Protein backbone atom coordinates (compact mmCIF):
# COMPACT_ATOMS: atom_id res chain seq x y z
CA MET A 1 -12.57 -10.54 15.10
CA ILE A 2 -10.69 -10.45 11.79
CA ASP A 3 -8.82 -7.19 11.17
CA LEU A 4 -10.93 -4.49 9.47
CA ASN A 5 -8.93 -1.83 7.63
CA CYS A 6 -9.72 1.37 5.77
CA ASP A 7 -7.75 3.61 3.39
CA MET A 8 -7.64 7.01 5.09
CA GLY A 9 -5.92 10.38 5.09
CA GLU A 10 -7.09 10.86 1.51
CA LEU A 11 -10.02 13.20 2.13
CA LYS A 12 -10.37 16.74 3.48
CA ASP A 13 -13.53 15.85 5.43
CA SER A 14 -12.19 15.37 8.95
CA ALA A 15 -15.63 14.57 10.39
CA HIS A 16 -16.04 11.74 7.87
CA GLU A 17 -12.64 10.30 8.73
CA ALA A 18 -13.42 10.49 12.44
CA ALA A 19 -16.63 8.54 11.80
CA LEU A 20 -14.74 5.91 9.79
CA MET A 21 -12.22 5.50 12.60
CA GLU A 22 -14.97 4.41 14.99
CA HIS A 23 -15.36 1.10 13.17
CA VAL A 24 -11.87 0.01 12.03
CA THR A 25 -9.00 -1.81 13.68
CA SER A 26 -6.34 -0.68 11.17
CA ALA A 27 -5.98 2.65 9.32
CA ASN A 28 -3.98 2.81 6.08
CA ILE A 29 -2.79 6.42 5.94
CA ALA A 30 -1.95 8.04 2.60
CA CYS A 31 1.65 9.27 2.60
CA GLY A 32 1.39 12.40 0.44
CA ALA A 33 2.13 10.92 -2.99
CA HIS A 34 -1.26 9.94 -4.42
CA ALA A 35 -3.14 11.97 -1.79
CA GLY A 36 -2.72 13.66 1.56
CA ASP A 37 -0.07 15.90 3.06
CA ASP A 38 1.64 16.38 6.41
CA ALA A 39 -1.50 17.94 7.91
CA THR A 40 -3.83 15.10 6.87
CA MET A 41 -1.27 12.51 7.98
CA GLU A 42 -1.07 14.11 11.42
CA ARG A 43 -4.84 14.51 11.70
CA THR A 44 -5.52 10.89 10.76
CA ALA A 45 -2.73 9.55 12.95
CA ARG A 46 -4.07 11.47 15.93
CA LEU A 47 -7.51 9.95 15.36
CA ALA A 48 -6.03 6.46 15.15
CA LEU A 49 -3.92 6.87 18.27
CA ALA A 50 -6.89 8.20 20.23
CA ARG A 51 -8.97 5.16 19.23
CA GLY A 52 -6.24 2.54 19.64
CA VAL A 53 -6.32 1.78 15.91
CA ARG A 54 -3.21 0.33 14.23
CA ILE A 55 -1.47 2.71 11.83
CA GLY A 56 -0.20 1.53 8.46
CA ALA A 57 1.54 3.37 5.62
CA HIS A 58 -0.40 3.57 2.35
CA PRO A 59 2.14 4.42 -0.38
CA GLY A 60 1.08 4.74 -3.99
CA TYR A 61 2.23 6.00 -7.36
CA PRO A 62 3.23 9.70 -7.05
CA ASP A 63 0.33 10.85 -9.23
CA ARG A 64 -2.05 13.13 -7.38
CA ALA A 65 -3.88 14.12 -10.58
CA ASN A 66 -5.16 10.56 -11.00
CA PHE A 67 -5.27 9.66 -7.29
CA GLY A 68 -2.70 6.95 -7.89
CA ARG A 69 -5.23 4.84 -9.75
CA LEU A 70 -3.39 4.71 -13.09
CA GLU A 71 -0.22 2.70 -13.72
CA MET A 72 2.92 4.83 -14.07
CA ALA A 73 6.07 4.02 -16.01
CA MET A 74 8.56 3.67 -13.15
CA SER A 75 11.64 1.49 -12.83
CA PRO A 76 11.84 -1.00 -9.95
CA GLU A 77 14.44 1.23 -8.31
CA GLU A 78 12.13 4.25 -8.55
CA ILE A 79 9.24 2.27 -7.07
CA ALA A 80 11.38 1.02 -4.18
CA ASP A 81 12.63 4.56 -3.54
CA THR A 82 9.18 6.16 -3.49
CA VAL A 83 7.71 3.41 -1.28
CA TYR A 84 10.55 3.86 1.23
CA GLU A 85 10.36 7.66 1.15
CA GLN A 86 6.59 7.70 1.61
CA ILE A 87 6.75 5.35 4.59
CA ARG A 88 9.47 7.43 6.21
CA ARG A 89 7.49 10.63 5.69
CA LEU A 90 4.52 9.19 7.55
CA GLU A 91 6.70 7.58 10.21
CA ALA A 92 8.35 10.89 11.09
CA ILE A 93 4.92 12.35 11.86
CA VAL A 94 3.58 9.32 13.71
CA GLU A 95 6.68 8.98 15.88
CA ARG A 96 6.47 12.65 16.81
CA LEU A 97 2.96 11.91 18.11
CA GLY A 98 4.25 8.97 20.15
CA GLY A 99 3.01 6.20 17.87
CA ASP A 100 4.41 3.64 15.44
CA VAL A 101 3.76 2.69 11.83
CA GLU A 102 3.07 -1.04 12.10
CA TYR A 103 2.51 -2.26 8.53
CA VAL A 104 2.37 -1.22 4.86
CA LYS A 105 -0.43 -1.46 2.31
CA PRO A 106 0.26 -0.34 -1.28
CA HIS A 107 -2.39 1.88 -2.82
CA GLY A 108 -4.47 1.76 -5.98
CA ALA A 109 -2.74 0.99 -9.26
CA LEU A 110 0.55 0.17 -7.52
CA TYR A 111 -1.27 -2.55 -5.55
CA ASN A 112 -3.21 -3.86 -8.53
CA VAL A 113 -0.21 -3.97 -10.87
CA ALA A 114 1.81 -5.82 -8.21
CA VAL A 115 -0.87 -8.52 -8.01
CA LYS A 116 0.31 -9.95 -11.35
CA ASN A 117 3.67 -8.22 -11.94
CA ALA A 118 6.34 -9.88 -9.82
CA GLU A 119 8.88 -7.16 -10.63
CA VAL A 120 6.63 -4.46 -9.21
CA ALA A 121 5.75 -6.60 -6.18
CA ARG A 122 9.46 -7.17 -5.57
CA ALA A 123 10.16 -3.44 -5.86
CA ILE A 124 7.50 -2.71 -3.25
CA GLY A 125 9.07 -5.36 -1.03
CA GLU A 126 12.51 -3.79 -1.49
CA GLY A 127 11.17 -0.42 -0.37
CA VAL A 128 9.54 -1.93 2.70
CA ALA A 129 12.60 -4.04 3.55
CA ARG A 130 14.82 -0.96 3.40
CA TRP A 131 12.58 0.54 6.07
CA LYS A 132 11.78 -2.49 8.25
CA ARG A 133 12.03 -6.15 7.21
CA SER A 134 9.70 -7.24 10.00
CA ALA A 135 6.81 -5.03 8.84
CA PRO A 136 3.79 -6.90 7.42
CA ILE A 137 2.66 -5.94 3.90
CA PHE A 138 -1.01 -6.20 2.93
CA GLY A 139 -1.64 -7.79 -0.47
CA LEU A 140 -4.52 -9.42 -2.34
CA ALA A 141 -5.36 -12.71 -0.64
CA ALA A 142 -4.25 -15.84 -2.49
CA SER A 143 -2.42 -13.79 -5.14
CA PRO A 144 1.16 -14.13 -6.49
CA MET A 145 2.28 -10.86 -4.86
CA LEU A 146 2.19 -12.58 -1.47
CA ASP A 147 4.40 -15.37 -2.83
CA VAL A 148 6.96 -12.80 -4.00
CA TRP A 149 7.17 -11.22 -0.56
CA LYS A 150 7.42 -14.62 1.12
CA GLU A 151 10.33 -15.54 -1.16
CA MET A 152 12.00 -12.28 -0.08
CA GLY A 153 11.65 -13.26 3.57
CA LEU A 154 8.98 -10.63 4.17
CA ILE A 155 5.59 -10.97 5.87
CA GLY A 156 2.66 -10.86 3.47
CA VAL A 157 -0.86 -10.47 4.88
CA GLY A 158 -3.80 -11.65 2.77
CA GLU A 159 -6.36 -8.90 2.23
CA ALA A 160 -9.92 -9.09 0.89
CA PHE A 161 -12.39 -6.32 0.03
CA ALA A 162 -15.92 -5.94 1.33
CA ASP A 163 -16.82 -3.04 -0.97
CA ARG A 164 -15.36 -4.27 -4.27
CA ARG A 165 -16.56 -6.85 -6.77
CA TYR A 166 -14.21 -9.58 -7.92
CA GLU A 167 -13.47 -11.08 -11.32
CA PRO A 168 -13.58 -14.89 -11.76
CA ASP A 169 -9.76 -15.01 -11.50
CA GLY A 170 -9.88 -13.45 -8.03
CA THR A 171 -8.69 -9.98 -9.06
CA LEU A 172 -10.67 -6.82 -8.36
CA ARG A 173 -13.05 -5.52 -10.99
CA ASN A 174 -11.69 -2.38 -12.63
CA ARG A 175 -13.24 0.83 -11.32
CA LYS A 176 -14.13 1.85 -14.88
CA PHE A 177 -17.08 -0.55 -14.65
CA PRO A 178 -20.22 0.82 -12.96
CA ASP A 179 -20.65 -2.24 -10.74
CA ALA A 180 -17.06 -2.27 -9.44
CA LEU A 181 -18.15 -0.95 -6.04
CA ILE A 182 -20.51 -2.53 -3.53
CA THR A 183 -22.33 0.32 -1.80
CA ASP A 184 -25.13 -1.56 -0.06
CA PRO A 185 -24.06 -2.13 3.58
CA ALA A 186 -25.87 -5.46 3.89
CA ALA A 187 -24.33 -6.80 0.68
CA ALA A 188 -20.86 -5.63 1.74
CA ALA A 189 -21.27 -7.26 5.16
CA THR A 190 -22.36 -10.53 3.54
CA GLN A 191 -19.29 -10.46 1.31
CA ALA A 192 -17.03 -9.63 4.27
CA VAL A 193 -18.29 -12.67 6.17
CA ARG A 194 -17.89 -14.94 3.13
CA LEU A 195 -14.33 -13.74 2.58
CA ALA A 196 -13.43 -14.07 6.25
CA ARG A 197 -14.72 -17.63 6.28
CA GLY A 198 -12.72 -18.41 3.14
CA GLY A 199 -9.57 -18.65 5.20
CA THR A 200 -7.12 -16.84 2.90
CA ALA A 201 -7.69 -13.30 4.19
CA GLN A 202 -6.40 -11.99 7.50
CA THR A 203 -7.73 -8.47 6.96
CA ILE A 204 -10.83 -7.03 5.27
CA CYS A 205 -10.84 -3.58 3.61
CA VAL A 206 -13.51 -0.94 3.07
CA HIS A 207 -12.40 2.17 1.16
CA GLY A 208 -12.99 5.46 2.93
CA ASP A 209 -14.18 7.13 -0.28
CA THR A 210 -16.77 4.49 -1.17
CA PRO A 211 -20.26 6.04 -1.01
CA GLY A 212 -21.82 5.11 2.33
CA SER A 213 -18.48 3.87 3.70
CA VAL A 214 -19.32 4.63 7.33
CA GLU A 215 -22.51 2.59 7.16
CA ILE A 216 -20.68 -0.17 5.27
CA LEU A 217 -17.99 -0.35 7.95
CA ARG A 218 -20.58 -0.40 10.72
CA ALA A 219 -22.41 -3.29 9.07
CA CYS A 220 -19.20 -5.22 8.34
CA ARG A 221 -17.88 -4.82 11.86
CA ALA A 222 -21.14 -6.08 13.37
CA ALA A 223 -21.28 -9.04 10.98
CA LEU A 224 -17.63 -10.00 11.52
CA ALA A 225 -17.92 -9.66 15.29
CA ALA A 226 -20.75 -12.20 15.21
CA LEU A 227 -18.61 -14.91 13.58
């Protein structure tokens, strides 16, 4: 089955996160900048390790007030530094629990800006490379950000979204629009299957804070398993 990932460690509801973990194969754990703290990182990592779910770092803009969903004015050096520092913060906790951080997925505005801004994508890559050059980085499938990482000798992994609507150019619809999210489990599962069959995505994402995310993940996992 294609990898199914979820952004986690962003919410205080531990029961909700435990329910999400039942249906994913990879957990992108917030590293304390846009959301989360040492306690949520440890809680989420423990859940992932107990379920045999891969752990990934989910670094974003250091802007908790806006949940990392607004672009920040940061130099490439500052972006590389914060990406590296966030990964290391999570890794210290995960290693203490006997696990490993296996990949990186940028969060929110940092991810979306990097889709079209090669300088930002390169800065993310520099931060990851400083930590571990062999670590895969999730990025929007068939987008230029993956080309940037490939040119840097890094491993880009094409990602698609079951719970987000797309624009005609293949980018994600801005969350300011009321139809940016897909909250119907059947519709999300249909989109997940279509994207998986498209051949450019190696992992499919459902956001943990999307309304009905547990039911969406359950439906997506069942549909993808039937491929």
